[in-house]
Amino acid sequence: MKDYLILLYYCYTHIEDPEDFRLKHHLFCIENKLKGRIIIAREGLNGTLSGLREDCERYMQHVKDDVRFKNLEFKIEESDSLAFEKLHVRVKSEIVHSGLYHIDPTQKTGQYVEPGQFREMLKSDDVIVVDVRSNYEHKLGKFKNAITFDIENFRDFPEKIEEIESLKDKKIVTYCTGGIKCEKASAYLLEKGFSNVYQLHGGIIKYGIEAGGEDFEGKCYVFDNRVAVDVNKVNPKVISHCHICNDTCDRMVNCANPECNLHVPICEKCAEKMEGACSDECKAHPKKRPYNGTGYYAKKMNGYNPYRGLYRNLTLSLS
């Protein structure tokens, strides 16, 4: 049993005063030594946190004690260390940026499919599996035979569904990393006339934990220091290719040129040869960072203070 946990979670629910909730939630996370990213909006809560096991367990109980989050489900993974350097708790207009402000997943969304059921559906010729994630995510890993879209951000998803217009009468199952994007993506498909829409409950992460990750090819991109994680314990396969030599490779790096910072797979051999750069131009760039052997360059803390902004907001709330 490892000392640290990584929590991935979301919940669509109504938060009347997001700023007040943010302040109290932020303070609780600091008091319990948690790091990660949390987004709060009137439509709900979305987060990825990391901390010692007992601190994470205390956080989970704290959240579940709030009746607004009675339906929230944590995806829990063990870790040898903290998965984040900082804590950010922010208020935004949506808990995942989609631009689909009119859609309320508490009222309409695709029917949930649990991991075990999804594993069986993958074997059926009558089921169309649709990946709603961005290019850099599905190029690193995706479910076998899944339909993917050429999108840089989830907000581009709505304009891409015309590519599957001919499948309106088919059984469609959407999936993403943890399930949050599918809540609105599946609802939007229903709104546009797709008649038989489902979504993988808990996303790729839950599927890996509960169903062994069968038929997920490649690695799953995650938004913490790990960058990419193994999912498939049954029939794993590498599907991504080195940006330089095109050999199969699932080693994600950032270009050593900070003004490029391209996030792509580069094998160790090419990374050494190119000094961590994605091209000859970036290798020769005067601002190129020294290659650190990993291709992951942690952002400088720059006087990071987890309390920054709290005192100002607290003053405003009491005035």
C-alpha atoms as a PDB file:
ATOM      1  CA  MET A   1       0.000   0.000   0.000  1.00  0.00           C
ATOM      2  CA  LYS A   2       1.457   3.340  -1.103  1.00  0.00           C
ATOM      3  CA  ASP A   3       1.555   6.438   1.088  1.00  0.00           C
ATOM      4  CA  TYR A   4      -0.068   8.868  -1.352  1.00  0.00           C
ATOM      5  CA  LEU A   5      -3.351   8.950  -3.237  1.00  0.00           C
ATOM      6  CA  ILE A   6      -4.426  10.757  -6.404  1.00  0.00           C
ATOM      7  CA  LEU A   7      -8.103  11.701  -6.582  1.00  0.00           C
ATOM      8  CA  LEU A   8      -9.983  12.453  -9.784  1.00  0.00           C
ATOM      9  CA  TYR A   9     -13.596  13.603  -9.439  1.00  0.00           C
ATOM     10  CA  TYR A  10     -16.403  15.842 -10.601  1.00  0.00           C
ATOM     11  CA  CYS A  11     -20.001  16.537  -9.753  1.00  0.00           C
ATOM     12  CA  TYR A  12     -22.638  18.530 -11.593  1.00  0.00           C
ATOM     13  CA  THR A  13     -24.738  20.222  -8.932  1.00  0.00           C
ATOM     14  CA  HIS A  14     -25.877  23.727  -8.046  1.00  0.00           C
ATOM     15  CA  ILE A  15     -23.476  25.941  -6.090  1.00  0.00           C
ATOM     16  CA  GLU A  16     -25.240  29.180  -5.195  1.00  0.00           C
ATOM     17  CA  ASP A  17     -22.157  31.193  -4.211  1.00  0.00           C
ATOM     18  CA  PRO A  18     -19.054  29.776  -5.971  1.00  0.00           C
ATOM     19  CA  GLU A  19     -16.707  32.444  -4.547  1.00  0.00           C
ATOM     20  CA  ASP A  20     -17.680  31.716  -0.962  1.00  0.00           C
ATOM     21  CA  PHE A  21     -17.441  27.969  -1.566  1.00  0.00           C
ATOM     22  CA  ARG A  22     -14.026  28.421  -3.204  1.00  0.00           C
ATOM     23  CA  LEU A  23     -12.658  30.294  -0.197  1.00  0.00           C
ATOM     24  CA  LYS A  24     -13.726  27.666   2.333  1.00  0.00           C
ATOM     25  CA  HIS A  25     -12.727  24.767   0.078  1.00  0.00           C
ATOM     26  CA  HIS A  26      -9.312  26.283  -0.580  1.00  0.00           C
ATOM     27  CA  LEU A  27      -8.646  26.721   3.132  1.00  0.00           C
ATOM     28  CA  PHE A  28      -9.654  23.119   3.860  1.00  0.00           C
ATOM     29  CA  CYS A  29      -7.222  21.849   1.205  1.00  0.00           C
ATOM     30  CA  ILE A  30      -4.375  23.943   2.637  1.00  0.00           C
ATOM     31  CA  GLU A  31      -5.075  22.758   6.174  1.00  0.00           C
ATOM     32  CA  ASN A  32      -4.884  19.165   4.933  1.00  0.00           C
ATOM     33  CA  LYS A  33      -1.708  19.635   2.863  1.00  0.00           C
ATOM     34  CA  LEU A  34      -3.369  18.783  -0.461  1.00  0.00           C
ATOM     35  CA  LYS A  35      -2.049  19.824  -3.874  1.00  0.00           C
ATOM     36  CA  GLY A  36      -3.784  19.869  -7.229  1.00  0.00           C
ATOM     37  CA  ARG A  37      -6.292  21.723  -9.367  1.00  0.00           C
ATOM     38  CA  ILE A  38      -9.928  22.380  -8.463  1.00  0.00           C
ATOM     39  CA  ILE A  39     -12.478  24.212 -10.592  1.00  0.00           C
ATOM     40  CA  ILE A  40     -15.694  25.525  -9.085  1.00  0.00           C
ATOM     41  CA  ALA A  41     -18.673  26.932 -10.988  1.00  0.00           C
ATOM     42  CA  ARG A  42     -22.362  27.440 -10.393  1.00  0.00           C
ATOM     43  CA  GLU A  43     -22.831  24.139 -12.226  1.00  0.00           C
ATOM     44  CA  GLY A  44     -20.598  22.094  -9.923  1.00  0.00           C
ATOM     45  CA  LEU A  45     -17.153  20.906  -8.841  1.00  0.00           C
ATOM     46  CA  ASN A  46     -14.251  19.366 -10.783  1.00  0.00           C
ATOM     47  CA  GLY A  47     -10.902  18.401  -9.312  1.00  0.00           C
ATOM     48  CA  THR A  48      -7.696  16.397  -9.330  1.00  0.00           C
ATOM     49  CA  LEU A  49      -5.924  16.306  -5.975  1.00  0.00           C
ATOM     50  CA  SER A  50      -2.999  14.507  -4.405  1.00  0.00           C
ATOM     51  CA  GLY A  51      -1.840  14.075  -0.833  1.00  0.00           C
ATOM     52  CA  LEU A  52      -1.025  11.614   1.901  1.00  0.00           C
ATOM     53  CA  ARG A  53      -3.568   8.807   2.190  1.00  0.00           C
ATOM     54  CA  GLU A  54      -5.057  10.008   5.476  1.00  0.00           C
ATOM     55  CA  ASP A  55      -5.349  13.597   4.206  1.00  0.00           C
ATOM     56  CA  CYS A  56      -7.093  12.471   1.024  1.00  0.00           C
ATOM     57  CA  GLU A  57      -9.459  10.292   3.007  1.00  0.00           C
ATOM     58  CA  ARG A  58     -10.299  13.265   5.224  1.00  0.00           C
ATOM     59  CA  TYR A  59     -10.965  15.374   2.111  1.00  0.00           C
ATOM     60  CA  MET A  60     -13.240  12.753   0.572  1.00  0.00           C
ATOM     61  CA  GLN A  61     -15.299  12.510   3.731  1.00  0.00           C
ATOM     62  CA  HIS A  62     -15.520  16.304   3.928  1.00  0.00           C
ATOM     63  CA  VAL A  63     -16.880  16.527   0.383  1.00  0.00           C
ATOM     64  CA  LYS A  64     -19.314  13.636   0.797  1.00  0.00           C
ATOM     65  CA  ASP A  65     -20.691  15.196   3.987  1.00  0.00           C
ATOM     66  CA  ASP A  66     -22.085  17.988   1.788  1.00  0.00           C
ATOM     67  CA  VAL A  67     -25.486  16.890   0.471  1.00  0.00           C
ATOM     68  CA  ARG A  68     -24.833  18.734  -2.792  1.00  0.00           C
ATOM     69  CA  PHE A  69     -22.186  16.150  -3.635  1.00  0.00           C
ATOM     70  CA  LYS A  70     -24.045  13.013  -2.634  1.00  0.00           C
ATOM     71  CA  ASN A  71     -23.673  11.619  -6.176  1.00  0.00           C
ATOM     72  CA  LEU A  72     -19.969  12.444  -6.505  1.00  0.00           C
ATOM     73  CA  GLU A  73     -17.697   9.481  -7.172  1.00  0.00           C
ATOM     74  CA  PHE A  74     -13.944   9.560  -6.553  1.00  0.00           C
ATOM     75  CA  LYS A  75     -11.555   7.721  -8.870  1.00  0.00           C
ATOM     76  CA  ILE A  76      -8.693   6.766  -6.554  1.00  0.00           C
ATOM     77  CA  GLU A  77      -5.160   5.762  -7.521  1.00  0.00           C
ATOM     78  CA  GLU A  78      -2.160   5.074  -5.304  1.00  0.00           C
ATOM     79  CA  SER A  79       1.119   6.931  -5.764  1.00  0.00           C
ATOM     80  CA  ASP A  80       4.645   6.979  -4.366  1.00  0.00           C
ATOM     81  CA  SER A  81       4.659  10.768  -4.157  1.00  0.00           C
ATOM     82  CA  LEU A  82       2.626  13.932  -4.619  1.00  0.00           C
ATOM     83  CA  ALA A  83       1.380  14.317  -8.173  1.00  0.00           C
ATOM     84  CA  PHE A  84       1.308  18.133  -8.039  1.00  0.00           C
ATOM     85  CA  GLU A  85       3.632  20.923  -6.972  1.00  0.00           C
ATOM     86  CA  LYS A  86       0.952  23.493  -6.205  1.00  0.00           C
ATOM     87  CA  LEU A  87      -2.665  23.956  -5.179  1.00  0.00           C
ATOM     88  CA  HIS A  88      -5.005  25.971  -7.394  1.00  0.00           C
ATOM     89  CA  VAL A  89      -8.679  26.451  -6.538  1.00  0.00           C
ATOM     90  CA  ARG A  90     -10.450  28.654  -9.069  1.00  0.00           C
ATOM     91  CA  VAL A  91     -13.940  29.817  -9.968  1.00  0.00           C
ATOM     92  CA  LYS A  92     -14.854  29.569 -13.642  1.00  0.00           C
ATOM     93  CA  SER A  93     -17.985  29.737 -15.767  1.00  0.00           C
ATOM     94  CA  GLU A  94     -17.958  25.942 -16.381  1.00  0.00           C
ATOM     95  CA  ILE A  95     -16.251  23.058 -14.615  1.00  0.00           C
ATOM     96  CA  VAL A  96     -14.960  21.897 -18.014  1.00  0.00           C
ATOM     97  CA  HIS A  97     -14.820  24.402 -20.854  1.00  0.00           C
ATOM     98  CA  SER A  98     -17.359  23.375 -23.515  1.00  0.00           C
ATOM     99  CA  GLY A  99     -19.351  26.477 -24.388  1.00  0.00           C
ATOM    100  CA  LEU A 100     -22.499  24.363 -23.950  1.00  0.00           C
ATOM    101  CA  TYR A 101     -23.882  26.590 -21.203  1.00  0.00           C
ATOM    102  CA  HIS A 102     -27.484  25.625 -21.906  1.00  0.00           C
ATOM    103  CA  ILE A 103     -26.923  21.949 -21.137  1.00  0.00           C
ATOM    104  CA  ASP A 104     -27.561  20.792 -17.570  1.00  0.00           C
ATOM    105  CA  PRO A 105     -26.264  17.228 -17.031  1.00  0.00           C
ATOM    106  CA  THR A 106     -28.442  16.899 -13.929  1.00  0.00           C
ATOM    107  CA  GLN A 107     -31.447  17.067 -16.257  1.00  0.00           C
ATOM    108  CA  LYS A 108     -30.255  15.347 -19.439  1.00  0.00           C
ATOM    109  CA  THR A 109     -27.279  13.175 -20.335  1.00  0.00           C
ATOM    110  CA  GLY A 110     -26.430   9.868 -21.962  1.00  0.00           C
ATOM    111  CA  GLN A 111     -27.168   6.699 -20.010  1.00  0.00           C
ATOM    112  CA  TYR A 112     -24.294   5.462 -17.846  1.00  0.00           C
ATOM    113  CA  VAL A 113     -22.459   2.298 -18.854  1.00  0.00           C
ATOM    114  CA  GLU A 114     -20.393   0.689 -16.099  1.00  0.00           C
ATOM    115  CA  PRO A 115     -16.850  -0.601 -16.904  1.00  0.00           C
ATOM    116  CA  GLY A 116     -17.791  -4.287 -16.969  1.00  0.00           C
ATOM    117  CA  GLN A 117     -20.708  -3.642 -19.312  1.00  0.00           C
ATOM    118  CA  PHE A 118     -18.577  -1.402 -21.508  1.00  0.00           C
ATOM    119  CA  ARG A 119     -15.961  -4.158 -21.860  1.00  0.00           C
ATOM    120  CA  GLU A 120     -18.636  -6.404 -23.360  1.00  0.00           C
ATOM    121  CA  MET A 121     -20.022  -3.636 -25.578  1.00  0.00           C
ATOM    122  CA  LEU A 122     -16.563  -3.167 -27.109  1.00  0.00           C
ATOM    123  CA  LYS A 123     -16.904  -6.646 -28.603  1.00  0.00           C
ATOM    124  CA  SER A 124     -20.172  -5.832 -30.384  1.00  0.00           C
ATOM    125  CA  ASP A 125     -20.341  -4.725 -34.020  1.00  0.00           C
ATOM    126  CA  ASP A 126     -23.536  -2.812 -33.218  1.00  0.00           C
ATOM    127  CA  VAL A 127     -21.828  -0.322 -30.876  1.00  0.00           C
ATOM    128  CA  ILE A 128     -20.030   2.848 -31.994  1.00  0.00           C
ATOM    129  CA  VAL A 129     -17.423   4.056 -29.496  1.00  0.00           C
ATOM    130  CA  VAL A 130     -16.666   7.797 -29.643  1.00  0.00           C
ATOM    131  CA  ASP A 131     -13.674   9.512 -28.020  1.00  0.00           C
ATOM    132  CA  VAL A 132     -14.481  13.131 -27.063  1.00  0.00           C
ATOM    133  CA  ARG A 133     -10.946  14.090 -25.988  1.00  0.00           C
ATOM    134  CA  SER A 134      -8.382  16.284 -27.715  1.00  0.00           C
ATOM    135  CA  ASN A 135      -5.772  15.220 -30.281  1.00  0.00           C
ATOM    136  CA  TYR A 136      -2.785  14.943 -27.944  1.00  0.00           C
ATOM    137  CA  GLU A 137      -4.830  12.674 -25.676  1.00  0.00           C
ATOM    138  CA  HIS A 138      -6.266  10.191 -28.169  1.00  0.00           C
ATOM    139  CA  LYS A 139      -3.042  10.011 -30.198  1.00  0.00           C
ATOM    140  CA  LEU A 140      -1.308   8.676 -27.086  1.00  0.00           C
ATOM    141  CA  GLY A 141      -4.034   6.155 -26.313  1.00  0.00           C
ATOM    142  CA  LYS A 142      -7.624   5.259 -27.161  1.00  0.00           C
ATOM    143  CA  PHE A 143     -10.035   2.340 -27.208  1.00  0.00           C
ATOM    144  CA  LYS A 144      -9.690  -0.100 -30.073  1.00  0.00           C
ATOM    145  CA  ASN A 145     -11.705   1.014 -33.146  1.00  0.00           C
ATOM    146  CA  ALA A 146     -12.933   4.188 -31.415  1.00  0.00           C
ATOM    147  CA  ILE A 147     -13.895   7.207 -33.529  1.00  0.00           C
ATOM    148  CA  THR A 148     -11.729  10.240 -32.736  1.00  0.00           C
ATOM    149  CA  PHE A 149     -12.025  13.890 -33.763  1.00  0.00           C
ATOM    150  CA  ASP A 150      -9.379  16.355 -34.870  1.00  0.00           C
ATOM    151  CA  ILE A 151      -9.846  18.847 -32.028  1.00  0.00           C
ATOM    152  CA  GLU A 152      -7.412  20.879 -29.941  1.00  0.00           C
ATOM    153  CA  ASN A 153      -9.921  21.560 -27.141  1.00  0.00           C
ATOM    154  CA  PHE A 154     -13.215  20.073 -25.961  1.00  0.00           C
ATOM    155  CA  ARG A 155     -15.022  23.300 -26.892  1.00  0.00           C
ATOM    156  CA  ASP A 156     -14.403  22.297 -30.542  1.00  0.00           C
ATOM    157  CA  PHE A 157     -16.403  19.070 -30.121  1.00  0.00           C
ATOM    158  CA  PRO A 158     -19.867  20.430 -31.099  1.00  0.00           C
ATOM    159  CA  GLU A 159     -18.745  21.455 -34.582  1.00  0.00           C
ATOM    160  CA  LYS A 160     -17.315  17.986 -35.251  1.00  0.00           C
ATOM    161  CA  ILE A 161     -20.411  15.853 -34.756  1.00  0.00           C
ATOM    162  CA  GLU A 162     -21.413  16.392 -38.381  1.00  0.00           C
ATOM    163  CA  GLU A 163     -18.724  13.788 -39.096  1.00  0.00           C
ATOM    164  CA  ILE A 164     -20.922  11.128 -37.470  1.00  0.00           C
ATOM    165  CA  GLU A 165     -24.338  12.366 -38.700  1.00  0.00           C
ATOM    166  CA  SER A 166     -24.833   9.078 -40.560  1.00  0.00           C
ATOM    167  CA  LEU A 167     -24.677   7.194 -37.230  1.00  0.00           C
ATOM    168  CA  LYS A 168     -27.661   8.896 -35.590  1.00  0.00           C
ATOM    169  CA  ASP A 169     -29.619   5.656 -35.304  1.00  0.00           C
ATOM    170  CA  LYS A 170     -26.696   3.585 -33.999  1.00  0.00           C
ATOM    171  CA  LYS A 171     -25.879   2.807 -30.369  1.00  0.00           C
ATOM    172  CA  ILE A 172     -23.250   5.426 -29.451  1.00  0.00           C
ATOM    173  CA  VAL A 173     -21.019   5.215 -26.366  1.00  0.00           C
ATOM    174  CA  THR A 174     -18.862   8.228 -25.539  1.00  0.00           C
ATOM    175  CA  TYR A 175     -15.811   8.189 -23.287  1.00  0.00           C
ATOM    176  CA  CYS A 176     -13.149  10.539 -21.891  1.00  0.00           C
ATOM    177  CA  THR A 177     -10.523  10.478 -19.124  1.00  0.00           C
ATOM    178  CA  GLY A 178     -12.747  10.639 -16.049  1.00  0.00           C
ATOM    179  CA  GLY A 179     -16.277  11.044 -17.406  1.00  0.00           C
ATOM    180  CA  ILE A 180     -16.843  14.786 -17.042  1.00  0.00           C
ATOM    181  CA  LYS A 181     -16.684  15.718 -20.742  1.00  0.00           C
ATOM    182  CA  CYS A 182     -19.098  12.937 -21.646  1.00  0.00           C
ATOM    183  CA  GLU A 183     -21.804  14.393 -19.419  1.00  0.00           C
ATOM    184  CA  LYS A 184     -22.226  17.317 -21.814  1.00  0.00           C
ATOM    185  CA  ALA A 185     -21.025  15.567 -24.980  1.00  0.00           C
ATOM    186  CA  SER A 186     -23.624  12.799 -24.669  1.00  0.00           C
ATOM    187  CA  ALA A 187     -26.357  15.313 -23.804  1.00  0.00           C
ATOM    188  CA  TYR A 188     -25.424  17.378 -26.847  1.00  0.00           C
ATOM    189  CA  LEU A 189     -25.649  14.306 -29.100  1.00  0.00           C
ATOM    190  CA  LEU A 190     -29.139  13.624 -27.759  1.00  0.00           C
ATOM    191  CA  GLU A 191     -30.086  17.238 -28.410  1.00  0.00           C
ATOM    192  CA  LYS A 192     -28.893  16.903 -32.016  1.00  0.00           C
ATOM    193  CA  GLY A 193     -31.081  13.897 -32.724  1.00  0.00           C
ATOM    194  CA  PHE A 194     -28.861  10.928 -31.859  1.00  0.00           C
ATOM    195  CA  SER A 195     -31.377   8.477 -30.483  1.00  0.00           C
ATOM    196  CA  ASN A 196     -29.353   5.868 -28.567  1.00  0.00           C
ATOM    197  CA  VAL A 197     -26.573   7.537 -26.565  1.00  0.00           C
ATOM    198  CA  TYR A 198     -24.552   6.139 -23.654  1.00  0.00           C
ATOM    199  CA  GLN A 199     -21.419   7.205 -21.780  1.00  0.00           C
ATOM    200  CA  LEU A 200     -18.672   5.262 -20.013  1.00  0.00           C
ATOM    201  CA  HIS A 201     -19.253   5.987 -16.330  1.00  0.00           C
ATOM    202  CA  GLY A 202     -16.042   7.181 -14.691  1.00  0.00           C
ATOM    203  CA  GLY A 203     -14.157   7.264 -17.969  1.00  0.00           C
ATOM    204  CA  ILE A 204     -10.902   5.549 -18.876  1.00  0.00           C
ATOM    205  CA  ILE A 205      -9.507   5.778 -15.343  1.00  0.00           C
ATOM    206  CA  LYS A 206     -12.382   3.896 -13.728  1.00  0.00           C
ATOM    207  CA  TYR A 207     -12.379   1.374 -16.584  1.00  0.00           C
ATOM    208  CA  GLY A 208      -8.714   0.646 -15.922  1.00  0.00           C
ATOM    209  CA  ILE A 209      -9.264   0.255 -12.190  1.00  0.00           C
ATOM    210  CA  GLU A 210     -12.403  -1.899 -12.381  1.00  0.00           C
ATOM    211  CA  ALA A 211     -12.152  -3.751 -15.705  1.00  0.00           C
ATOM    212  CA  GLY A 212      -8.424  -4.131 -16.253  1.00  0.00           C
ATOM    213  CA  GLY A 213      -8.339  -1.690 -19.168  1.00  0.00           C
ATOM    214  CA  GLU A 214      -8.917  -4.389 -21.789  1.00  0.00           C
ATOM    215  CA  ASP A 215      -8.773  -3.077 -25.388  1.00  0.00           C
ATOM    216  CA  PHE A 216      -7.538   0.358 -24.406  1.00  0.00           C
ATOM    217  CA  GLU A 217      -4.559   0.796 -26.706  1.00  0.00           C
ATOM    218  CA  GLY A 218      -1.662   2.983 -25.614  1.00  0.00           C
ATOM    219  CA  LYS A 219      -1.474   5.106 -22.473  1.00  0.00           C
ATOM    220  CA  CYS A 220      -3.969   7.496 -20.919  1.00  0.00           C
ATOM    221  CA  TYR A 221      -2.956  11.133 -20.775  1.00  0.00           C
ATOM    222  CA  VAL A 222      -3.495  12.612 -17.313  1.00  0.00           C
ATOM    223  CA  PHE A 223      -3.246  16.177 -16.038  1.00  0.00           C
ATOM    224  CA  ASP A 224      -0.677  15.791 -13.275  1.00  0.00           C
ATOM    225  CA  ASN A 225       3.055  15.164 -12.947  1.00  0.00           C
ATOM    226  CA  ARG A 226       2.696  11.603 -14.229  1.00  0.00           C
ATOM    227  CA  VAL A 227       1.629  12.894 -17.692  1.00  0.00           C
ATOM    228  CA  ALA A 228       0.714   9.424 -18.977  1.00  0.00           C
ATOM    229  CA  VAL A 229      -0.376   6.250 -17.172  1.00  0.00           C
ATOM    230  CA  ASP A 230      -0.814   2.607 -18.079  1.00  0.00           C
ATOM    231  CA  VAL A 231      -4.444   1.475 -18.203  1.00  0.00           C
ATOM    232  CA  ASN A 232      -4.496  -1.899 -19.938  1.00  0.00           C
ATOM    233  CA  LYS A 233      -3.412  -4.880 -17.825  1.00  0.00           C
ATOM    234  CA  VAL A 234      -4.919  -7.449 -20.225  1.00  0.00           C
ATOM    235  CA  ASN A 235      -3.744  -6.792 -23.803  1.00  0.00           C
ATOM    236  CA  PRO A 236      -1.602  -3.631 -23.811  1.00  0.00           C
ATOM    237  CA  LYS A 237      -0.349  -2.100 -27.036  1.00  0.00           C
ATOM    238  CA  VAL A 238       1.658   1.017 -27.940  1.00  0.00           C
ATOM    239  CA  ILE A 239      -0.028   3.067 -30.680  1.00  0.00           C
ATOM    240  CA  SER A 240       1.801   6.414 -30.560  1.00  0.00           C
ATOM    241  CA  HIS A 241       4.967   7.179 -32.492  1.00  0.00           C
ATOM    242  CA  CYS A 242       8.110   9.183 -31.890  1.00  0.00           C
ATOM    243  CA  HIS A 243       7.780  12.691 -33.317  1.00  0.00           C
ATOM    244  CA  ILE A 244      11.352  12.471 -34.681  1.00  0.00           C
ATOM    245  CA  CYS A 245      11.934   8.931 -36.010  1.00  0.00           C
ATOM    246  CA  ASN A 246       8.342   7.587 -36.114  1.00  0.00           C
ATOM    247  CA  ASP A 247       9.194   4.443 -34.138  1.00  0.00           C
ATOM    248  CA  THR A 248       6.515   3.292 -31.713  1.00  0.00           C
ATOM    249  CA  CYS A 249       6.884   5.313 -28.533  1.00  0.00           C
ATOM    250  CA  ASP A 250       4.642   6.420 -25.667  1.00  0.00           C
ATOM    251  CA  ARG A 251       7.169   8.592 -23.872  1.00  0.00           C
ATOM    252  CA  MET A 252       5.536  12.037 -23.719  1.00  0.00           C
ATOM    253  CA  VAL A 253       7.840  15.050 -23.471  1.00  0.00           C
ATOM    254  CA  ASN A 254       7.757  18.819 -23.840  1.00  0.00           C
ATOM    255  CA  CYS A 255      10.082  20.375 -26.392  1.00  0.00           C
ATOM    256  CA  ALA A 256      13.122  21.849 -24.623  1.00  0.00           C
ATOM    257  CA  ASN A 257      12.486  25.150 -26.400  1.00  0.00           C
ATOM    258  CA  PRO A 258      10.066  26.902 -23.998  1.00  0.00           C
ATOM    259  CA  GLU A 259       8.724  29.090 -26.804  1.00  0.00           C
ATOM    260  CA  CYS A 260       7.622  25.915 -28.614  1.00  0.00           C
ATOM    261  CA  ASN A 261       6.925  23.545 -25.696  1.00  0.00           C
ATOM    262  CA  LEU A 262       5.324  21.079 -28.126  1.00  0.00           C
ATOM    263  CA  HIS A 263       3.890  18.142 -26.189  1.00  0.00           C
ATOM    264  CA  VAL A 264       4.571  14.968 -28.187  1.00  0.00           C
ATOM    265  CA  PRO A 265       6.059  11.461 -27.875  1.00  0.00           C
ATOM    266  CA  ILE A 266       9.857  11.404 -28.388  1.00  0.00           C
ATOM    267  CA  CYS A 267      11.906   8.270 -27.778  1.00  0.00           C
ATOM    268  CA  GLU A 268      14.935   8.374 -25.485  1.00  0.00           C
ATOM    269  CA  LYS A 269      17.409   7.966 -28.356  1.00  0.00           C
ATOM    270  CA  CYS A 270      15.994  10.887 -30.330  1.00  0.00           C
ATOM    271  CA  ALA A 271      15.597  13.006 -27.223  1.00  0.00           C
ATOM    272  CA  GLU A 272      19.291  12.605 -26.442  1.00  0.00           C
ATOM    273  CA  LYS A 273      20.276  13.332 -30.039  1.00  0.00           C
ATOM    274  CA  MET A 274      18.033  16.406 -30.254  1.00  0.00           C
ATOM    275  CA  GLU A 275      18.867  17.552 -26.711  1.00  0.00           C
ATOM    276  CA  GLY A 276      15.177  17.426 -25.850  1.00  0.00           C
ATOM    277  CA  ALA A 277      14.091  19.534 -28.838  1.00  0.00           C
ATOM    278  CA  CYS A 278      11.367  18.577 -31.310  1.00  0.00           C
ATOM    279  CA  SER A 279      13.181  19.995 -34.374  1.00  0.00           C
ATOM    280  CA  ASP A 280      16.549  21.330 -35.524  1.00  0.00           C
ATOM    281  CA  GLU A 281      15.160  24.860 -35.240  1.00  0.00           C
ATOM    282  CA  CYS A 282      14.206  24.318 -31.605  1.00  0.00           C
ATOM    283  CA  LYS A 283      17.536  22.625 -30.886  1.00  0.00           C
ATOM    284  CA  ALA A 284      19.333  25.768 -32.059  1.00  0.00           C
ATOM    285  CA  HIS A 285      16.997  28.177 -30.264  1.00  0.00           C
ATOM    286  CA  PRO A 286      18.860  30.521 -27.876  1.00  0.00           C
ATOM    287  CA  LYS A 287      16.316  29.981 -25.101  1.00  0.00           C
ATOM    288  CA  LYS A 288      16.383  26.167 -25.252  1.00  0.00           C
ATOM    289  CA  ARG A 289      16.361  24.605 -21.810  1.00  0.00           C
ATOM    290  CA  PRO A 290      19.112  22.114 -20.892  1.00  0.00           C
ATOM    291  CA  TYR A 291      17.695  18.658 -21.552  1.00  0.00           C
ATOM    292  CA  ASN A 292      17.003  17.031 -18.191  1.00  0.00           C
ATOM    293  CA  GLY A 293      16.611  13.456 -19.417  1.00  0.00           C
ATOM    294  CA  THR A 294      12.861  13.366 -18.850  1.00  0.00           C
ATOM    295  CA  GLY A 295      11.394  16.034 -21.109  1.00  0.00           C
ATOM    296  CA  TYR A 296       9.271  17.227 -18.203  1.00  0.00           C
ATOM    297  CA  TYR A 297      10.142  20.702 -16.962  1.00  0.00           C
ATOM    298  CA  ALA A 298       8.410  21.571 -13.718  1.00  0.00           C
ATOM    299  CA  LYS A 299       7.280  25.169 -13.565  1.00  0.00           C
ATOM    300  CA  LYS A 300       9.282  27.332 -11.191  1.00  0.00           C
ATOM    301  CA  MET A 301       7.519  28.020  -7.930  1.00  0.00           C
ATOM    302  CA  ASN A 302       8.234  31.782  -8.216  1.00  0.00           C
ATOM    303  CA  GLY A 303       7.443  32.469  -4.566  1.00  0.00           C
ATOM    304  CA  TYR A 304       4.350  30.247  -4.652  1.00  0.00           C
ATOM    305  CA  ASN A 305       2.112  30.845  -1.648  1.00  0.00           C
ATOM    306  CA  PRO A 306      -1.027  28.677  -1.335  1.00  0.00           C
ATOM    307  CA  TYR A 307      -2.699  31.447   0.712  1.00  0.00           C
ATOM    308  CA  ARG A 308      -2.305  34.045  -2.041  1.00  0.00           C
ATOM    309  CA  GLY A 309      -5.657  35.654  -2.843  1.00  0.00           C
ATOM    310  CA  LEU A 310      -7.413  34.182   0.173  1.00  0.00           C
ATOM    311  CA  TYR A 311      -7.013  37.202   2.428  1.00  0.00           C
ATOM    312  CA  ARG A 312      -8.307  39.620  -0.201  1.00  0.00           C
ATOM    313  CA  ASN A 313     -11.348  37.441  -0.838  1.00  0.00           C
ATOM    314  CA  LEU A 314     -11.945  36.979   2.874  1.00  0.00           C
ATOM    315  CA  THR A 315     -11.895  40.759   3.384  1.00  0.00           C
ATOM    316  CA  LEU A 316     -14.369  41.243   0.553  1.00  0.00           C
ATOM    317  CA  SER A 317     -16.721  38.575   1.932  1.00  0.00           C
ATOM    318  CA  LEU A 318     -16.751  40.238   5.361  1.00  0.00           C
ATOM    319  CA  SER A 319     -17.181  43.809   4.111  1.00  0.00           C
END
